[in-house]
Amino acid sequence: MIHPRVNLHQVAFLDESTADFIAFCRDIGVGNMTLVTPKLMQPGELEAAQTALARGGTRAAVVNHPLAMGSNLELDRGEAS
């Protein structure tokens, strides 16, 4: 049995579709997951994720959106925005 506060992050499954990641979480009993916007914004991924989540058994507790990846914010001159 997996502890109810465990949250699995999609970053470990970037080669899989979001719907497959959601199904995996459901299958192993993970009730909470973190989805990532770079995957959700790919064609068809958001709709497929919504359909997969509607089946129940797990929920997207967090949606992670990377911001200014690879930027050096200390030296930024407006390029990171």
PDB file of N, CA and C in Angstrom:
ATOM      1  N   MET A   1       0.832  -1.174   0.000  1.00  0.00           N
ATOM      2  CA  MET A   1       0.000   0.000   0.000  1.00  0.00           C
ATOM      3  C   MET A   1       0.888   1.253   0.000  1.00  0.00           C
ATOM      4  N   ILE A   2       0.540   2.209  -0.832  1.00  0.00           N
ATOM      5  CA  ILE A   2       1.310   3.441  -0.933  1.00  0.00           C
ATOM      6  C   ILE A   2       0.686   4.502  -0.034  1.00  0.00           C
ATOM      7  N   HIS A   3       1.523   5.220   0.690  1.00  0.00           N
ATOM      8  CA  HIS A   3       1.036   6.252   1.602  1.00  0.00           C
ATOM      9  C   HIS A   3       0.217   7.285   0.823  1.00  0.00           C
ATOM     10  N   PRO A   4      -0.911   7.752   1.371  1.00  0.00           N
ATOM     11  CA  PRO A   4      -1.790   8.669   0.635  1.00  0.00           C
ATOM     12  C   PRO A   4      -1.180  10.022   0.325  1.00  0.00           C
ATOM     13  N   ARG A   5      -0.094  10.403   0.992  1.00  0.00           N
ATOM     14  CA  ARG A   5       0.534  11.697   0.696  1.00  0.00           C
ATOM     15  C   ARG A   5       1.647  11.601  -0.340  1.00  0.00           C
ATOM     16  N   VAL A   6       1.917  10.406  -0.838  1.00  0.00           N
ATOM     17  CA  VAL A   6       2.926  10.257  -1.885  1.00  0.00           C
ATOM     18  C   VAL A   6       2.433  10.941  -3.153  1.00  0.00           C
ATOM     19  N   ASN A   7       3.331  11.677  -3.787  1.00  0.00           N
ATOM     20  CA  ASN A   7       3.016  12.395  -5.023  1.00  0.00           C
ATOM     21  C   ASN A   7       4.089  12.029  -6.044  1.00  0.00           C
ATOM     22  N   LEU A   8       3.690  11.397  -7.127  1.00  0.00           N
ATOM     23  CA  LEU A   8       4.633  10.993  -8.163  1.00  0.00           C
ATOM     24  C   LEU A   8       4.732  12.090  -9.219  1.00  0.00           C
ATOM     25  N   HIS A   9       5.955  12.451  -9.601  1.00  0.00           N
ATOM     26  CA  HIS A   9       6.197  13.549 -10.540  1.00  0.00           C
ATOM     27  C   HIS A   9       6.374  12.996 -11.960  1.00  0.00           C
ATOM     28  N   GLN A  10       5.701  13.629 -12.905  1.00  0.00           N
ATOM     29  CA  GLN A  10       5.725  13.182 -14.301  1.00  0.00           C
ATOM     30  C   GLN A  10       7.110  13.276 -14.934  1.00  0.00           C
ATOM     31  N   VAL A  11       8.009  14.054 -14.373  1.00  0.00           N
ATOM     32  CA  VAL A  11       9.334  14.221 -14.973  1.00  0.00           C
ATOM     33  C   VAL A  11      10.063  12.875 -15.131  1.00  0.00           C
ATOM     34  N   ALA A  12       9.714  11.915 -14.301  1.00  0.00           N
ATOM     35  CA  ALA A  12      10.329  10.585 -14.405  1.00  0.00           C
ATOM     36  C   ALA A  12       9.745   9.758 -15.543  1.00  0.00           C
ATOM     37  N   PHE A  13       8.721  10.284 -16.228  1.00  0.00           N
ATOM     38  CA  PHE A  13       8.010   9.539 -17.267  1.00  0.00           C
ATOM     39  C   PHE A  13       7.858  10.363 -18.546  1.00  0.00           C
ATOM     40  N   LEU A  14       8.816  11.210 -18.856  1.00  0.00           N
ATOM     41  CA  LEU A  14       8.665  12.118 -19.988  1.00  0.00           C
ATOM     42  C   LEU A  14       8.610  11.417 -21.338  1.00  0.00           C
ATOM     43  N   ASP A  15       9.058  10.170 -21.407  1.00  0.00           N
ATOM     44  CA  ASP A  15       8.976   9.421 -22.663  1.00  0.00           C
ATOM     45  C   ASP A  15       7.585   8.822 -22.889  1.00  0.00           C
ATOM     46  N   GLU A  16       6.732   8.888 -21.865  1.00  0.00           N
ATOM     47  CA  GLU A  16       5.380   8.325 -21.942  1.00  0.00           C
ATOM     48  C   GLU A  16       4.365   9.447 -22.125  1.00  0.00           C
ATOM     49  N   SER A  17       3.198   9.123 -22.642  1.00  0.00           N
ATOM     50  CA  SER A  17       2.131  10.122 -22.745  1.00  0.00           C
ATOM     51  C   SER A  17       1.612  10.449 -21.347  1.00  0.00           C
ATOM     52  N   THR A  18       0.976  11.583 -21.221  1.00  0.00           N
ATOM     53  CA  THR A  18       0.391  11.971 -19.943  1.00  0.00           C
ATOM     54  C   THR A  18      -0.678  10.971 -19.523  1.00  0.00           C
ATOM     55  N   ALA A  19      -1.505  10.529 -20.452  1.00  0.00           N
ATOM     56  CA  ALA A  19      -2.545   9.544 -20.128  1.00  0.00           C
ATOM     57  C   ALA A  19      -1.933   8.246 -19.614  1.00  0.00           C
ATOM     58  N   ASP A  20      -0.829   7.811 -20.206  1.00  0.00           N
ATOM     59  CA  ASP A  20      -0.154   6.596 -19.729  1.00  0.00           C
ATOM     60  C   ASP A  20       0.422   6.793 -18.334  1.00  0.00           C
ATOM     61  N   PHE A  21       0.971   7.970 -18.068  1.00  0.00           N
ATOM     62  CA  PHE A  21       1.492   8.278 -16.735  1.00  0.00           C
ATOM     63  C   PHE A  21       0.363   8.242 -15.698  1.00  0.00           C
ATOM     64  N   ILE A  22      -0.764   8.834 -16.029  1.00  0.00           N
ATOM     65  CA  ILE A  22      -1.919   8.829 -15.125  1.00  0.00           C
ATOM     66  C   ILE A  22      -2.388   7.402 -14.872  1.00  0.00           C
ATOM     67  N   ALA A  23      -2.468   6.601 -15.920  1.00  0.00           N
ATOM     68  CA  ALA A  23      -2.882   5.198 -15.772  1.00  0.00           C
ATOM     69  C   ALA A  23      -1.896   4.431 -14.895  1.00  0.00           C
ATOM     70  N   PHE A  24      -0.592   4.681 -15.065  1.00  0.00           N
ATOM     71  CA  PHE A  24       0.421   4.029 -14.237  1.00  0.00           C
ATOM     72  C   PHE A  24       0.211   4.375 -12.766  1.00  0.00           C
ATOM     73  N   CYS A  25       0.006   5.660 -12.480  1.00  0.00           N
ATOM     74  CA  CYS A  25      -0.232   6.084 -11.090  1.00  0.00           C
ATOM     75  C   CYS A  25      -1.446   5.377 -10.504  1.00  0.00           C
ATOM     76  N   ARG A  26      -2.511   5.330 -11.293  1.00  0.00           N
ATOM     77  CA  ARG A  26      -3.728   4.658 -10.838  1.00  0.00           C
ATOM     78  C   ARG A  26      -3.453   3.176 -10.581  1.00  0.00           C
ATOM     79  N   ASP A  27      -2.756   2.530 -11.499  1.00  0.00           N
ATOM     80  CA  ASP A  27      -2.498   1.092 -11.398  1.00  0.00           C
ATOM     81  C   ASP A  27      -1.670   0.717 -10.168  1.00  0.00           C
ATOM     82  N   ILE A  28      -0.716   1.583  -9.789  1.00  0.00           N
ATOM     83  CA  ILE A  28       0.131   1.253  -8.633  1.00  0.00           C
ATOM     84  C   ILE A  28      -0.401   1.844  -7.333  1.00  0.00           C
ATOM     85  N   GLY A  29      -1.527   2.564  -7.413  1.00  0.00           N
ATOM     86  CA  GLY A  29      -2.159   3.076  -6.208  1.00  0.00           C
ATOM     87  C   GLY A  29      -1.658   4.419  -5.719  1.00  0.00           C
ATOM     88  N   VAL A  30      -1.028   5.195  -6.597  1.00  0.00           N
ATOM     89  CA  VAL A  30      -0.596   6.545  -6.229  1.00  0.00           C
ATOM     90  C   VAL A  30      -1.783   7.480  -6.435  1.00  0.00           C
ATOM     91  N   GLY A  31      -2.243   8.100  -5.365  1.00  0.00           N
ATOM     92  CA  GLY A  31      -3.426   8.934  -5.426  1.00  0.00           C
ATOM     93  C   GLY A  31      -3.181  10.358  -5.896  1.00  0.00           C
ATOM     94  N   ASN A  32      -1.934  10.819  -5.825  1.00  0.00           N
ATOM     95  CA  ASN A  32      -1.593  12.189  -6.194  1.00  0.00           C
ATOM     96  C   ASN A  32      -0.429  12.198  -7.170  1.00  0.00           C
ATOM     97  N   MET A  33      -0.500  13.117  -8.108  1.00  0.00           N
ATOM     98  CA  MET A  33       0.601  13.203  -9.067  1.00  0.00           C
ATOM     99  C   MET A  33       0.864  14.651  -9.419  1.00  0.00           C
ATOM    100  N   THR A  34       2.064  14.898  -9.951  1.00  0.00           N
ATOM    101  CA  THR A  34       2.435  16.200 -10.493  1.00  0.00           C
ATOM    102  C   THR A  34       2.531  16.060 -11.996  1.00  0.00           C
ATOM    103  N   LEU A  35       1.752  16.858 -12.718  1.00  0.00           N
ATOM    104  CA  LEU A  35       1.827  16.900 -14.169  1.00  0.00           C
ATOM    105  C   LEU A  35       2.662  18.098 -14.575  1.00  0.00           C
ATOM    106  N   VAL A  36       3.290  18.028 -15.751  1.00  0.00           N
ATOM    107  CA  VAL A  36       4.163  19.107 -16.205  1.00  0.00           C
ATOM    108  C   VAL A  36       3.613  19.738 -17.486  1.00  0.00           C
ATOM    109  N   THR A  37       3.625  21.058 -17.532  1.00  0.00           N
ATOM    110  CA  THR A  37       3.035  21.760 -18.668  1.00  0.00           C
ATOM    111  C   THR A  37       3.743  21.520 -19.996  1.00  0.00           C
ATOM    112  N   PRO A  38       5.066  21.287 -20.052  1.00  0.00           N
ATOM    113  CA  PRO A  38       5.642  21.011 -21.372  1.00  0.00           C
ATOM    114  C   PRO A  38       4.999  19.801 -22.066  1.00  0.00           C
ATOM    115  N   LYS A  39       4.586  18.804 -21.282  1.00  0.00           N
ATOM    116  CA  LYS A  39       3.879  17.648 -21.858  1.00  0.00           C
ATOM    117  C   LYS A  39       2.412  17.992 -22.125  1.00  0.00           C
ATOM    118  N   LEU A  40       1.761  18.661 -21.176  1.00  0.00           N
ATOM    119  CA  LEU A  40       0.337  18.973 -21.320  1.00  0.00           C
ATOM    120  C   LEU A  40       0.052  19.883 -22.507  1.00  0.00           C
ATOM    121  N   MET A  41       1.028  20.691 -22.913  1.00  0.00           N
ATOM    122  CA  MET A  41       0.805  21.640 -24.003  1.00  0.00           C
ATOM    123  C   MET A  41       1.097  21.035 -25.386  1.00  0.00           C
ATOM    124  N   GLN A  42       1.488  19.768 -25.420  1.00  0.00           N
ATOM    125  CA  GLN A  42       1.674  19.092 -26.704  1.00  0.00           C
ATOM    126  C   GLN A  42       0.304  18.729 -27.276  1.00  0.00           C
ATOM    127  N   PRO A  43       0.192  18.677 -28.590  1.00  0.00           N
ATOM    128  CA  PRO A  43      -1.112  18.403 -29.221  1.00  0.00           C
ATOM    129  C   PRO A  43      -1.791  17.141 -28.665  1.00  0.00           C
ATOM    130  N   GLY A  44      -3.024  17.327 -28.205  1.00  0.00           N
ATOM    131  CA  GLY A  44      -3.835  16.215 -27.724  1.00  0.00           C
ATOM    132  C   GLY A  44      -3.582  15.777 -26.294  1.00  0.00           C
ATOM    133  N   GLU A  45      -2.504  16.225 -25.687  1.00  0.00           N
ATOM    134  CA  GLU A  45      -2.145  15.755 -24.340  1.00  0.00           C
ATOM    135  C   GLU A  45      -3.110  16.243 -23.269  1.00  0.00           C
ATOM    136  N   LEU A  46      -3.511  17.506 -23.321  1.00  0.00           N
ATOM    137  CA  LEU A  46      -4.406  18.035 -22.300  1.00  0.00           C
ATOM    138  C   LEU A  46      -5.746  17.314 -22.321  1.00  0.00           C
ATOM    139  N   GLU A  47      -6.306  17.122 -23.489  1.00  0.00           N
ATOM    140  CA  GLU A  47      -7.584  16.432 -23.612  1.00  0.00           C
ATOM    141  C   GLU A  47      -7.478  14.986 -23.137  1.00  0.00           C
ATOM    142  N   ALA A  48      -6.401  14.323 -23.508  1.00  0.00           N
ATOM    143  CA  ALA A  48      -6.192  12.934 -23.080  1.00  0.00           C
ATOM    144  C   ALA A  48      -6.018  12.851 -21.568  1.00  0.00           C
ATOM    145  N   ALA A  49      -5.320  13.828 -20.987  1.00  0.00           N
ATOM    146  CA  ALA A  49      -5.141  13.853 -19.532  1.00  0.00           C
ATOM    147  C   ALA A  49      -6.478  14.060 -18.826  1.00  0.00           C
ATOM    148  N   GLN A  50      -7.290  14.965 -19.344  1.00  0.00           N
ATOM    149  CA  GLN A  50      -8.605  15.205 -18.743  1.00  0.00           C
ATOM    150  C   GLN A  50      -9.466  13.941 -18.776  1.00  0.00           C
ATOM    151  N   THR A  51      -9.424  13.229 -19.889  1.00  0.00           N
ATOM    152  CA  THR A  51     -10.178  11.987 -20.014  1.00  0.00           C
ATOM    153  C   THR A  51      -9.666  10.943 -19.023  1.00  0.00           C
ATOM    154  N   ALA A  52      -8.348  10.819 -18.920  1.00  0.00           N
ATOM    155  CA  ALA A  52      -7.749   9.837 -18.004  1.00  0.00           C
ATOM    156  C   ALA A  52      -8.072  10.178 -16.555  1.00  0.00           C
ATOM    157  N   LEU A  53      -8.029  11.460 -16.199  1.00  0.00           N
ATOM    158  CA  LEU A  53      -8.327  11.864 -14.825  1.00  0.00           C
ATOM    159  C   LEU A  53      -9.801  11.671 -14.484  1.00  0.00           C
ATOM    160  N   ALA A  54     -10.666  11.804 -15.469  1.00  0.00           N
ATOM    161  CA  ALA A  54     -12.108  11.642 -15.242  1.00  0.00           C
ATOM    162  C   ALA A  54     -12.458  10.217 -14.807  1.00  0.00           C
ATOM    163  N   ARG A  55     -11.590   9.267 -15.081  1.00  0.00           N
ATOM    164  CA  ARG A  55     -11.835   7.868 -14.674  1.00  0.00           C
ATOM    165  C   ARG A  55     -11.717   7.683 -13.166  1.00  0.00           C
ATOM    166  N   GLY A  56     -11.114   8.658 -12.485  1.00  0.00           N
ATOM    167  CA  GLY A  56     -10.979   8.588 -11.030  1.00  0.00           C
ATOM    168  C   GLY A  56      -9.818   7.735 -10.581  1.00  0.00           C
ATOM    169  N   GLY A  57      -9.676   7.607  -9.274  1.00  0.00           N
ATOM    170  CA  GLY A  57      -8.635   6.786  -8.691  1.00  0.00           C
ATOM    171  C   GLY A  57      -7.330   7.513  -8.447  1.00  0.00           C
ATOM    172  N   THR A  58      -7.171   8.669  -9.026  1.00  0.00           N
ATOM    173  CA  THR A  58      -5.976   9.472  -8.824  1.00  0.00           C
ATOM    174  C   THR A  58      -6.301  10.903  -9.204  1.00  0.00           C
ATOM    175  N   ARG A  59      -5.454  11.837  -8.785  1.00  0.00           N
ATOM    176  CA  ARG A  59      -5.722  13.239  -9.100  1.00  0.00           C
ATOM    177  C   ARG A  59      -4.424  13.992  -9.348  1.00  0.00           C
ATOM    178  N   ALA A  60      -4.533  15.028 -10.155  1.00  0.00           N
ATOM    179  CA  ALA A  60      -3.396  15.912 -10.390  1.00  0.00           C
ATOM    180  C   ALA A  60      -3.369  16.909  -9.232  1.00  0.00           C
ATOM    181  N   ALA A  61      -2.514  16.657  -8.257  1.00  0.00           N
ATOM    182  CA  ALA A  61      -2.425  17.526  -7.085  1.00  0.00           C
ATOM    183  C   ALA A  61      -1.629  18.784  -7.392  1.00  0.00           C
ATOM    184  N   VAL A  62      -0.718  18.688  -8.381  1.00  0.00           N
ATOM    185  CA  VAL A  62       0.159  19.800  -8.731  1.00  0.00           C
ATOM    186  C   VAL A  62       0.341  19.814 -10.243  1.00  0.00           C
ATOM    187  N   VAL A  63       0.369  21.010 -10.810  1.00  0.00           N
ATOM    188  CA  VAL A  63       0.775  21.185 -12.209  1.00  0.00           C
ATOM    189  C   VAL A  63       2.008  22.069 -12.177  1.00  0.00           C
ATOM    190  N   ASN A  64       3.127  21.519 -12.642  1.00  0.00           N
ATOM    191  CA  ASN A  64       4.409  22.206 -12.595  1.00  0.00           C
ATOM    192  C   ASN A  64       4.680  22.896 -13.918  1.00  0.00           C
ATOM    193  N   HIS A  65       5.049  24.170 -13.853  1.00  0.00           N
ATOM    194  CA  HIS A  65       5.369  24.938 -15.053  1.00  0.00           C
ATOM    195  C   HIS A  65       6.778  25.481 -14.934  1.00  0.00           C
ATOM    196  N   PRO A  66       7.728  24.918 -15.690  1.00  0.00           N
ATOM    197  CA  PRO A  66       9.107  25.428 -15.635  1.00  0.00           C
ATOM    198  C   PRO A  66       9.157  26.882 -16.102  1.00  0.00           C
ATOM    199  N   LEU A  67       9.918  27.676 -15.407  1.00  0.00           N
ATOM    200  CA  LEU A  67      10.035  29.089 -15.719  1.00  0.00           C
ATOM    201  C   LEU A  67      11.498  29.460 -15.852  1.00  0.00           C
ATOM    202  N   ALA A  68      11.848  30.111 -16.932  1.00  0.00           N
ATOM    203  CA  ALA A  68      13.203  30.621 -17.159  1.00  0.00           C
ATOM    204  C   ALA A  68      14.252  29.529 -17.014  1.00  0.00           C
ATOM    205  N   MET A  69      13.999  28.392 -17.621  1.00  0.00           N
ATOM    206  CA  MET A  69      14.948  27.283 -17.542  1.00  0.00           C
ATOM    207  C   MET A  69      16.256  27.662 -18.231  1.00  0.00           C
ATOM    208  N   GLY A  70      17.351  27.436 -17.559  1.00  0.00           N
ATOM    209  CA  GLY A  70      18.667  27.699 -18.131  1.00  0.00           C
ATOM    210  C   GLY A  70      19.090  29.143 -18.063  1.00  0.00           C
ATOM    211  N   SER A  71      18.258  29.997 -17.513  1.00  0.00           N
ATOM    212  CA  SER A  71      18.611  31.406 -17.412  1.00  0.00           C
ATOM    213  C   SER A  71      19.379  31.675 -16.132  1.00  0.00           C
ATOM    214  N   ASN A  72      20.245  32.655 -16.192  1.00  0.00           N
ATOM    215  CA  ASN A  72      20.947  33.119 -15.012  1.00  0.00           C
ATOM    216  C   ASN A  72      20.241  34.390 -14.563  1.00  0.00           C
ATOM    217  N   LEU A  73      19.381  34.275 -13.568  1.00  0.00           N
ATOM    218  CA  LEU A  73      18.556  35.401 -13.158  1.00  0.00           C
ATOM    219  C   LEU A  73      19.375  36.540 -12.558  1.00  0.00           C
ATOM    220  N   GLU A  74      20.540  36.226 -11.991  1.00  0.00           N
ATOM    221  CA  GLU A  74      21.381  37.288 -11.443  1.00  0.00           C
ATOM    222  C   GLU A  74      21.951  38.177 -12.530  1.00  0.00           C
ATOM    223  N   LEU A  75      22.220  37.609 -13.707  1.00  0.00           N
ATOM    224  CA  LEU A  75      22.808  38.371 -14.804  1.00  0.00           C
ATOM    225  C   LEU A  75      21.792  38.772 -15.856  1.00  0.00           C
ATOM    226  N   ASP A  76      20.528  38.463 -15.632  1.00  0.00           N
ATOM    227  CA  ASP A  76      19.489  38.701 -16.633  1.00  0.00           C
ATOM    228  C   ASP A  76      19.327  40.195 -16.919  1.00  0.00           C
ATOM    229  N   ARG A  77      19.204  40.500 -18.184  1.00  0.00           N
ATOM    230  CA  ARG A  77      18.972  41.867 -18.642  1.00  0.00           C
ATOM    231  C   ARG A  77      17.626  41.950 -19.374  1.00  0.00           C
ATOM    232  N   GLY A  78      16.669  41.124 -18.933  1.00  0.00           N
ATOM    233  CA  GLY A  78      15.348  41.114 -19.531  1.00  0.00           C
ATOM    234  C   GLY A  78      15.104  39.961 -20.477  1.00  0.00           C
ATOM    235  N   GLU A  79      16.103  39.107 -20.698  1.00  0.00           N
ATOM    236  CA  GLU A  79      15.947  37.987 -21.626  1.00  0.00           C
ATOM    237  C   GLU A  79      15.125  36.846 -21.039  1.00  0.00           C
ATOM    238  N   ALA A  80      15.026  36.756 -19.719  1.00  0.00           N
ATOM    239  CA  ALA A  80      14.329  35.634 -19.082  1.00  0.00           C
ATOM    240  C   ALA A  80      12.821  35.814 -19.059  1.00  0.00           C
ATOM    241  N   SER A  81      12.340  36.975 -19.399  1.00  0.00           N
ATOM    242  CA  SER A  81      10.899  37.204 -19.328  1.00  0.00           C
ATOM    243  C   SER A  81      10.201  36.830 -20.605  1.00  0.00           C
TER     244      SER A  81
END
